[in-house]
């Protein structure tokens, strides 16, 4: 059963205030992210890879994360990170692979550290010249 009701003036004022606070915090985040680049020349990107728990990617100095580079870009992260000889973690379409294979929760060694990030955009393809491919290349710093 669905029921509808009209909000009273107090409830409307609370929701409006919540939206204003959210907009203020989002504006502050944008300002901090831009100030980080202005002050330091680049973000201090930090990456944590765990074959079982996934990927964490953010700046250590400000609230910037992968969405700063590309909205919902976590699935666009690429890169290979050698934990020790013969054990390489690879970012592939949002998952973490071990030595090029899916992990299925069988591995325990992860990787974390400073990285550089570069957005790569390629336009055009053989079948569709209007096609645009994009990904974010990460490399250990």
N, C-alpha and C. Protein backbone atom coordinates (compact mmCIF):
# COMPACT_ATOMS: atom_id res chain seq x y z
N UNK A 1 0.84 -1.16 0.00
CA UNK A 1 0.00 0.00 0.00
C UNK A 1 0.89 1.24 0.00
N UNK A 2 0.55 2.20 -0.80
CA UNK A 2 1.29 3.45 -0.89
C UNK A 2 0.44 4.55 -0.27
N UNK A 3 1.07 5.32 0.60
CA UNK A 3 0.34 6.44 1.20
C UNK A 3 1.10 7.72 0.92
N UNK A 4 0.41 8.77 0.71
CA UNK A 4 0.99 10.07 0.44
C UNK A 4 0.55 11.04 1.52
N UNK A 5 1.42 12.00 1.81
CA UNK A 5 1.03 13.04 2.75
C UNK A 5 1.74 14.32 2.37
N UNK A 6 1.23 15.41 2.80
CA UNK A 6 1.81 16.71 2.52
C UNK A 6 2.74 17.07 3.66
N UNK A 7 3.96 17.52 3.30
CA UNK A 7 4.92 17.92 4.32
C UNK A 7 4.49 19.25 4.93
N UNK A 8 4.73 19.36 6.23
CA UNK A 8 4.42 20.65 6.87
C UNK A 8 5.58 21.62 6.65
N UNK A 9 5.41 22.86 7.00
CA UNK A 9 6.41 23.90 6.75
C UNK A 9 7.75 23.59 7.44
N UNK A 10 7.70 23.01 8.62
CA UNK A 10 8.94 22.68 9.34
C UNK A 10 9.73 21.60 8.61
N UNK A 11 9.06 20.57 8.12
CA UNK A 11 9.73 19.50 7.38
C UNK A 11 10.32 20.03 6.07
N UNK A 12 9.62 20.92 5.41
CA UNK A 12 10.13 21.51 4.18
C UNK A 12 11.37 22.34 4.48
N UNK A 13 11.33 23.12 5.57
CA UNK A 13 12.49 23.94 5.95
C UNK A 13 13.70 23.06 6.28
N UNK A 14 13.48 21.92 6.96
CA UNK A 14 14.57 21.00 7.28
C UNK A 14 15.20 20.43 6.02
N UNK A 15 14.37 20.04 5.05
CA UNK A 15 14.90 19.49 3.80
C UNK A 15 15.66 20.55 3.01
N UNK A 16 15.13 21.77 2.97
CA UNK A 16 15.82 22.86 2.28
C UNK A 16 17.18 23.14 2.92
N UNK A 17 17.22 23.14 4.24
CA UNK A 17 18.48 23.38 4.95
C UNK A 17 19.47 22.26 4.67
N UNK A 18 19.00 21.03 4.60
CA UNK A 18 19.88 19.89 4.31
C UNK A 18 20.47 20.03 2.90
N UNK A 19 19.66 20.44 1.94
CA UNK A 19 20.16 20.64 0.58
C UNK A 19 21.18 21.76 0.53
N UNK A 20 20.93 22.84 1.26
CA UNK A 20 21.87 23.95 1.29
C UNK A 20 23.20 23.54 1.91
N UNK A 21 23.14 22.75 3.00
CA UNK A 21 24.38 22.26 3.63
C UNK A 21 25.16 21.36 2.66
N UNK A 22 24.42 20.49 1.97
CA UNK A 22 25.08 19.59 1.02
C UNK A 22 25.76 20.40 -0.09
N UNK A 23 25.08 21.37 -0.63
CA UNK A 23 25.66 22.22 -1.69
C UNK A 23 26.88 22.96 -1.17
N UNK A 24 26.82 23.44 0.07
CA UNK A 24 27.95 24.16 0.66
C UNK A 24 29.16 23.24 0.80
N UNK A 25 28.94 22.01 1.30
CA UNK A 25 30.04 21.06 1.46
C UNK A 25 30.62 20.64 0.11
N UNK A 26 29.78 20.45 -0.90
CA UNK A 26 30.28 20.11 -2.23
C UNK A 26 31.13 21.25 -2.80
N UNK A 27 30.68 22.49 -2.61
CA UNK A 27 31.45 23.64 -3.07
C UNK A 27 32.78 23.73 -2.33
N UNK A 28 32.78 23.45 -1.04
CA UNK A 28 34.02 23.46 -0.26
C UNK A 28 34.97 22.37 -0.74
N UNK A 29 34.46 21.18 -1.01
CA UNK A 29 35.30 20.10 -1.55
C UNK A 29 35.96 20.52 -2.86
N UNK A 30 35.17 21.12 -3.76
CA UNK A 30 35.74 21.57 -5.05
C UNK A 30 36.83 22.61 -4.83
N UNK A 31 36.58 23.54 -3.92
CA UNK A 31 37.57 24.57 -3.62
C UNK A 31 38.85 23.95 -3.06
N UNK A 32 38.72 23.02 -2.14
CA UNK A 32 39.90 22.36 -1.56
C UNK A 32 40.67 21.57 -2.60
N UNK A 33 39.96 20.90 -3.51
CA UNK A 33 40.62 20.12 -4.54
C UNK A 33 41.41 21.02 -5.49
N UNK A 34 40.82 22.12 -5.90
CA UNK A 34 41.52 23.05 -6.78
C UNK A 34 42.68 23.73 -6.06
N UNK A 35 42.49 24.05 -4.78
CA UNK A 35 43.56 24.69 -4.01
C UNK A 35 44.75 23.75 -3.85
N UNK A 36 44.48 22.46 -3.72
CA UNK A 36 45.54 21.46 -3.60
C UNK A 36 46.44 21.50 -4.84
N UNK A 37 45.82 21.53 -6.01
CA UNK A 37 46.60 21.58 -7.25
C UNK A 37 47.34 22.91 -7.35
N UNK A 38 46.68 24.03 -6.99
CA UNK A 38 47.34 25.34 -7.06
C UNK A 38 48.54 25.41 -6.12
N UNK A 39 48.39 24.88 -4.91
CA UNK A 39 49.45 24.98 -3.91
C UNK A 39 50.62 24.02 -4.17
N UNK A 40 50.32 22.82 -4.66
CA UNK A 40 51.34 21.77 -4.75
C UNK A 40 51.68 21.36 -6.18
N UNK A 41 50.94 21.86 -7.15
CA UNK A 41 51.19 21.52 -8.55
C UNK A 41 50.50 20.25 -9.01
N UNK A 42 50.14 19.38 -8.09
CA UNK A 42 49.45 18.13 -8.43
C UNK A 42 48.89 17.53 -7.15
N UNK A 43 47.99 16.61 -7.32
CA UNK A 43 47.46 15.87 -6.16
C UNK A 43 48.48 14.84 -5.69
N UNK A 44 48.41 14.47 -4.45
CA UNK A 44 49.25 13.43 -3.86
C UNK A 44 48.41 12.14 -3.84
N UNK A 45 48.36 11.47 -5.02
CA UNK A 45 47.47 10.31 -5.16
C UNK A 45 47.99 9.11 -4.38
N UNK A 46 47.08 8.42 -3.73
CA UNK A 46 47.37 7.23 -2.94
C UNK A 46 46.46 6.11 -3.41
N UNK A 47 47.03 4.94 -3.64
CA UNK A 47 46.27 3.79 -4.13
C UNK A 47 46.45 2.62 -3.18
N UNK A 48 45.34 1.95 -2.88
CA UNK A 48 45.39 0.71 -2.10
C UNK A 48 44.67 -0.36 -2.90
N UNK A 49 45.38 -1.46 -3.15
CA UNK A 49 44.81 -2.59 -3.88
C UNK A 49 44.74 -3.78 -2.96
N UNK A 50 43.61 -4.43 -2.98
CA UNK A 50 43.44 -5.66 -2.22
C UNK A 50 42.65 -6.62 -3.11
N UNK A 51 43.21 -7.78 -3.41
CA UNK A 51 42.50 -8.71 -4.29
C UNK A 51 41.11 -9.07 -3.79
N UNK A 52 40.91 -9.04 -2.49
CA UNK A 52 39.60 -9.41 -1.94
C UNK A 52 38.70 -8.20 -1.71
N UNK A 53 39.28 -7.08 -1.25
CA UNK A 53 38.47 -5.92 -0.88
C UNK A 53 38.40 -4.84 -1.95
N UNK A 54 39.16 -4.95 -3.03
CA UNK A 54 39.05 -3.99 -4.12
C UNK A 54 40.05 -2.86 -4.04
N UNK A 55 39.62 -1.69 -4.52
CA UNK A 55 40.51 -0.57 -4.76
C UNK A 55 40.06 0.67 -4.01
N UNK A 56 41.03 1.37 -3.42
CA UNK A 56 40.80 2.69 -2.82
C UNK A 56 41.79 3.64 -3.47
N UNK A 57 41.28 4.80 -3.95
CA UNK A 57 42.11 5.76 -4.66
C UNK A 57 41.69 7.16 -4.25
N UNK A 58 42.63 7.95 -3.69
CA UNK A 58 42.29 9.30 -3.24
C UNK A 58 43.57 10.12 -3.06
N UNK A 59 43.38 11.43 -2.89
CA UNK A 59 44.49 12.33 -2.61
C UNK A 59 44.70 12.38 -1.10
N UNK A 60 45.96 12.41 -0.68
CA UNK A 60 46.26 12.46 0.75
C UNK A 60 46.13 13.86 1.34
N UNK A 61 46.05 14.90 0.49
CA UNK A 61 46.00 16.27 0.99
C UNK A 61 44.62 16.91 0.92
N UNK A 62 43.72 16.36 0.14
CA UNK A 62 42.41 17.00 -0.03
C UNK A 62 41.35 15.92 -0.28
N UNK A 63 40.09 16.30 -0.43
CA UNK A 63 39.03 15.28 -0.60
C UNK A 63 38.93 14.68 -2.00
N UNK A 64 39.87 14.99 -2.91
CA UNK A 64 39.79 14.47 -4.28
C UNK A 64 39.92 12.95 -4.30
N UNK A 65 39.13 12.34 -5.17
CA UNK A 65 39.24 10.91 -5.41
C UNK A 65 39.14 10.68 -6.91
N UNK A 66 38.85 9.47 -7.32
CA UNK A 66 38.83 9.16 -8.75
C UNK A 66 37.78 9.99 -9.48
N UNK A 67 36.72 10.40 -8.83
CA UNK A 67 35.69 11.22 -9.48
C UNK A 67 36.22 12.59 -9.87
N UNK A 68 37.31 13.03 -9.27
CA UNK A 68 37.94 14.29 -9.67
C UNK A 68 38.51 14.17 -11.08
N UNK A 69 39.02 12.99 -11.43
CA UNK A 69 39.60 12.77 -12.74
C UNK A 69 38.51 12.47 -13.77
N UNK A 70 37.58 11.59 -13.40
CA UNK A 70 36.49 11.19 -14.30
C UNK A 70 35.34 10.70 -13.43
N UNK A 71 34.13 11.23 -13.64
CA UNK A 71 33.00 10.80 -12.80
C UNK A 71 32.78 9.28 -12.88
N UNK A 72 32.60 8.67 -11.73
CA UNK A 72 32.43 7.21 -11.63
C UNK A 72 33.56 6.47 -12.34
N UNK A 73 34.78 6.96 -12.18
CA UNK A 73 35.91 6.42 -12.92
C UNK A 73 36.62 5.25 -12.28
N UNK A 74 36.12 4.71 -11.19
CA UNK A 74 36.82 3.61 -10.51
C UNK A 74 37.01 2.42 -11.44
N UNK A 75 36.07 2.19 -12.35
CA UNK A 75 36.19 1.08 -13.29
C UNK A 75 37.16 1.38 -14.42
N UNK A 76 37.64 2.62 -14.51
CA UNK A 76 38.55 3.01 -15.59
C UNK A 76 40.01 2.97 -15.17
N UNK A 77 40.28 2.64 -13.92
CA UNK A 77 41.67 2.60 -13.44
C UNK A 77 42.40 1.41 -14.05
N UNK A 78 43.61 1.67 -14.55
CA UNK A 78 44.45 0.60 -15.09
C UNK A 78 45.85 0.73 -14.51
N UNK A 79 46.55 -0.36 -14.48
CA UNK A 79 47.93 -0.34 -14.01
C UNK A 79 48.34 -1.69 -13.47
N UNK A 80 49.64 -1.96 -13.52
CA UNK A 80 50.22 -3.18 -12.96
C UNK A 80 51.14 -2.80 -11.82
N UNK A 81 51.03 -3.53 -10.71
CA UNK A 81 51.81 -3.24 -9.52
C UNK A 81 52.42 -4.53 -9.00
N UNK A 82 53.76 -4.60 -9.06
CA UNK A 82 54.47 -5.80 -8.63
C UNK A 82 54.66 -5.75 -7.12
N UNK A 83 54.03 -6.68 -6.43
CA UNK A 83 54.14 -6.77 -4.98
C UNK A 83 55.47 -7.39 -4.61
N UNK A 84 55.81 -8.48 -5.24
CA UNK A 84 57.12 -9.11 -5.15
C UNK A 84 57.31 -9.90 -6.44
N UNK A 85 58.53 -10.34 -6.78
CA UNK A 85 58.77 -11.01 -8.06
C UNK A 85 57.81 -12.18 -8.28
N UNK A 86 57.15 -12.16 -9.43
CA UNK A 86 56.22 -13.23 -9.77
C UNK A 86 54.81 -13.01 -9.25
N UNK A 87 54.55 -11.90 -8.58
CA UNK A 87 53.22 -11.61 -8.03
C UNK A 87 52.85 -10.19 -8.40
N UNK A 88 52.03 -10.04 -9.44
CA UNK A 88 51.67 -8.73 -9.96
C UNK A 88 50.16 -8.54 -9.83
N UNK A 89 49.80 -7.41 -9.21
CA UNK A 89 48.39 -7.04 -9.13
C UNK A 89 48.08 -6.12 -10.30
N UNK A 90 46.99 -6.41 -11.01
CA UNK A 90 46.59 -5.62 -12.17
C UNK A 90 45.17 -5.09 -11.95
N UNK A 91 45.02 -3.80 -12.17
CA UNK A 91 43.69 -3.20 -12.17
C UNK A 91 43.07 -3.42 -13.53
N UNK A 92 41.88 -4.02 -13.55
CA UNK A 92 41.21 -4.33 -14.81
C UNK A 92 39.71 -4.18 -14.65
N UNK A 93 39.15 -3.14 -15.28
CA UNK A 93 37.71 -2.84 -15.25
C UNK A 93 37.10 -2.96 -13.86
N UNK A 94 37.74 -2.35 -12.90
CA UNK A 94 37.19 -2.29 -11.55
C UNK A 94 37.56 -3.45 -10.65
N UNK A 95 38.19 -4.46 -11.20
CA UNK A 95 38.59 -5.59 -10.35
C UNK A 95 40.11 -5.63 -10.24
N UNK A 96 40.58 -6.39 -9.27
CA UNK A 96 42.01 -6.57 -9.07
C UNK A 96 42.35 -8.01 -9.48
N UNK A 97 43.24 -8.14 -10.46
CA UNK A 97 43.68 -9.45 -10.91
C UNK A 97 45.06 -9.75 -10.35
N UNK A 98 45.34 -11.02 -10.14
CA UNK A 98 46.66 -11.46 -9.71
C UNK A 98 47.28 -12.22 -10.86
N UNK A 99 48.44 -11.72 -11.33
CA UNK A 99 49.15 -12.32 -12.47
C UNK A 99 48.21 -12.54 -13.67
N UNK A 100 47.31 -11.57 -13.90
CA UNK A 100 46.42 -11.61 -15.05
C UNK A 100 45.18 -12.47 -14.91
N UNK A 101 44.94 -13.03 -13.72
CA UNK A 101 43.78 -13.89 -13.52
C UNK A 101 42.89 -13.33 -12.41
N UNK A 102 41.62 -13.62 -12.48
CA UNK A 102 40.71 -13.23 -11.40
C UNK A 102 41.11 -13.96 -10.12
N UNK A 103 40.87 -13.34 -8.98
CA UNK A 103 41.39 -13.89 -7.73
C UNK A 103 40.42 -14.81 -7.00
N UNK A 104 39.14 -14.50 -7.05
CA UNK A 104 38.12 -15.30 -6.37
C UNK A 104 38.41 -15.50 -4.89
N UNK A 105 39.03 -14.49 -4.25
CA UNK A 105 39.27 -14.53 -2.81
C UNK A 105 40.35 -15.49 -2.36
N UNK A 106 41.24 -15.88 -3.27
CA UNK A 106 42.27 -16.87 -2.93
C UNK A 106 43.60 -16.27 -2.53
N UNK A 107 43.74 -14.94 -2.63
CA UNK A 107 45.03 -14.31 -2.39
C UNK A 107 44.91 -13.30 -1.26
N UNK A 108 46.01 -13.09 -0.55
CA UNK A 108 45.96 -12.20 0.60
C UNK A 108 46.88 -11.00 0.49
N UNK A 109 47.80 -10.99 -0.46
CA UNK A 109 48.77 -9.89 -0.54
C UNK A 109 48.21 -8.76 -1.40
N UNK A 110 48.27 -7.56 -0.85
CA UNK A 110 47.83 -6.38 -1.57
C UNK A 110 49.00 -5.46 -1.85
N UNK A 111 48.67 -4.26 -2.32
CA UNK A 111 49.69 -3.25 -2.60
C UNK A 111 49.11 -1.89 -2.24
N UNK A 112 49.97 -1.01 -1.70
CA UNK A 112 49.53 0.35 -1.44
C UNK A 112 50.73 1.27 -1.57
N UNK A 113 50.44 2.48 -2.05
CA UNK A 113 51.51 3.45 -2.21
C UNK A 113 51.10 4.64 -3.03
N UNK A 114 52.06 5.55 -3.19
CA UNK A 114 51.84 6.75 -4.00
C UNK A 114 51.85 6.37 -5.47
N UNK A 115 50.97 7.02 -6.24
CA UNK A 115 50.90 6.77 -7.67
C UNK A 115 50.76 8.10 -8.42
N UNK A 116 51.09 8.05 -9.70
CA UNK A 116 50.76 9.15 -10.60
C UNK A 116 49.56 8.69 -11.42
N UNK A 117 48.72 9.63 -11.79
CA UNK A 117 47.51 9.31 -12.54
C UNK A 117 47.45 10.16 -13.79
N UNK A 118 47.08 9.53 -14.90
CA UNK A 118 46.95 10.24 -16.17
C UNK A 118 45.69 9.76 -16.87
N UNK A 119 44.83 10.71 -17.24
CA UNK A 119 43.64 10.40 -18.02
C UNK A 119 44.05 10.28 -19.49
N UNK A 120 43.73 9.16 -20.12
CA UNK A 120 44.03 8.93 -21.52
C UNK A 120 42.72 8.85 -22.28
N UNK A 121 42.59 9.65 -23.33
CA UNK A 121 41.38 9.65 -24.14
C UNK A 121 41.79 9.45 -25.58
N UNK A 122 41.18 8.45 -26.24
CA UNK A 122 41.43 8.18 -27.65
C UNK A 122 40.12 8.29 -28.40
N UNK A 123 40.17 9.00 -29.49
CA UNK A 123 38.97 9.17 -30.29
C UNK A 123 39.14 8.42 -31.61
N UNK A 124 38.05 7.80 -32.02
CA UNK A 124 38.03 7.13 -33.31
C UNK A 124 38.45 5.69 -33.22
N UNK A 125 37.90 4.92 -34.07
CA UNK A 125 38.23 3.52 -34.16
C UNK A 125 37.96 3.04 -35.57
N UNK A 126 38.34 1.85 -35.87
CA UNK A 126 38.17 1.31 -37.21
C UNK A 126 36.69 1.21 -37.58
N UNK A 127 35.89 0.68 -36.68
CA UNK A 127 34.48 0.45 -36.98
C UNK A 127 33.62 1.69 -36.78
N UNK A 128 34.00 2.53 -35.82
CA UNK A 128 33.19 3.71 -35.53
C UNK A 128 34.13 4.88 -35.24
N UNK A 129 34.34 5.77 -36.22
CA UNK A 129 35.28 6.88 -36.00
C UNK A 129 34.81 7.87 -34.94
N UNK A 130 33.55 7.82 -34.55
CA UNK A 130 33.03 8.72 -33.52
C UNK A 130 33.21 8.13 -32.12
N UNK A 131 33.71 6.92 -32.04
CA UNK A 131 33.87 6.24 -30.75
C UNK A 131 34.96 6.93 -29.92
N UNK A 132 34.72 7.04 -28.62
CA UNK A 132 35.70 7.62 -27.70
C UNK A 132 36.00 6.60 -26.61
N UNK A 133 37.26 6.28 -26.43
CA UNK A 133 37.71 5.41 -25.35
C UNK A 133 38.50 6.24 -24.35
N UNK A 134 38.30 5.97 -23.08
CA UNK A 134 39.03 6.69 -22.04
C UNK A 134 39.38 5.72 -20.92
N UNK A 135 40.52 5.95 -20.30
CA UNK A 135 40.93 5.18 -19.12
C UNK A 135 41.91 6.01 -18.33
N UNK A 136 42.15 5.61 -17.08
CA UNK A 136 43.05 6.33 -16.19
C UNK A 136 44.25 5.40 -15.92
N UNK A 137 45.42 5.81 -16.40
CA UNK A 137 46.63 5.02 -16.19
C UNK A 137 47.28 5.42 -14.87
N UNK A 138 47.54 4.43 -14.05
CA UNK A 138 48.23 4.66 -12.77
C UNK A 138 49.60 4.01 -12.82
N UNK A 139 50.55 4.69 -12.19
CA UNK A 139 51.90 4.16 -12.13
C UNK A 139 52.48 4.46 -10.74
N UNK A 140 53.18 3.50 -10.17
CA UNK A 140 53.79 3.71 -8.86
C UNK A 140 54.75 4.89 -8.93
N UNK A 141 54.64 5.76 -7.94
CA UNK A 141 55.51 6.96 -7.92
C UNK A 141 56.82 6.67 -7.23
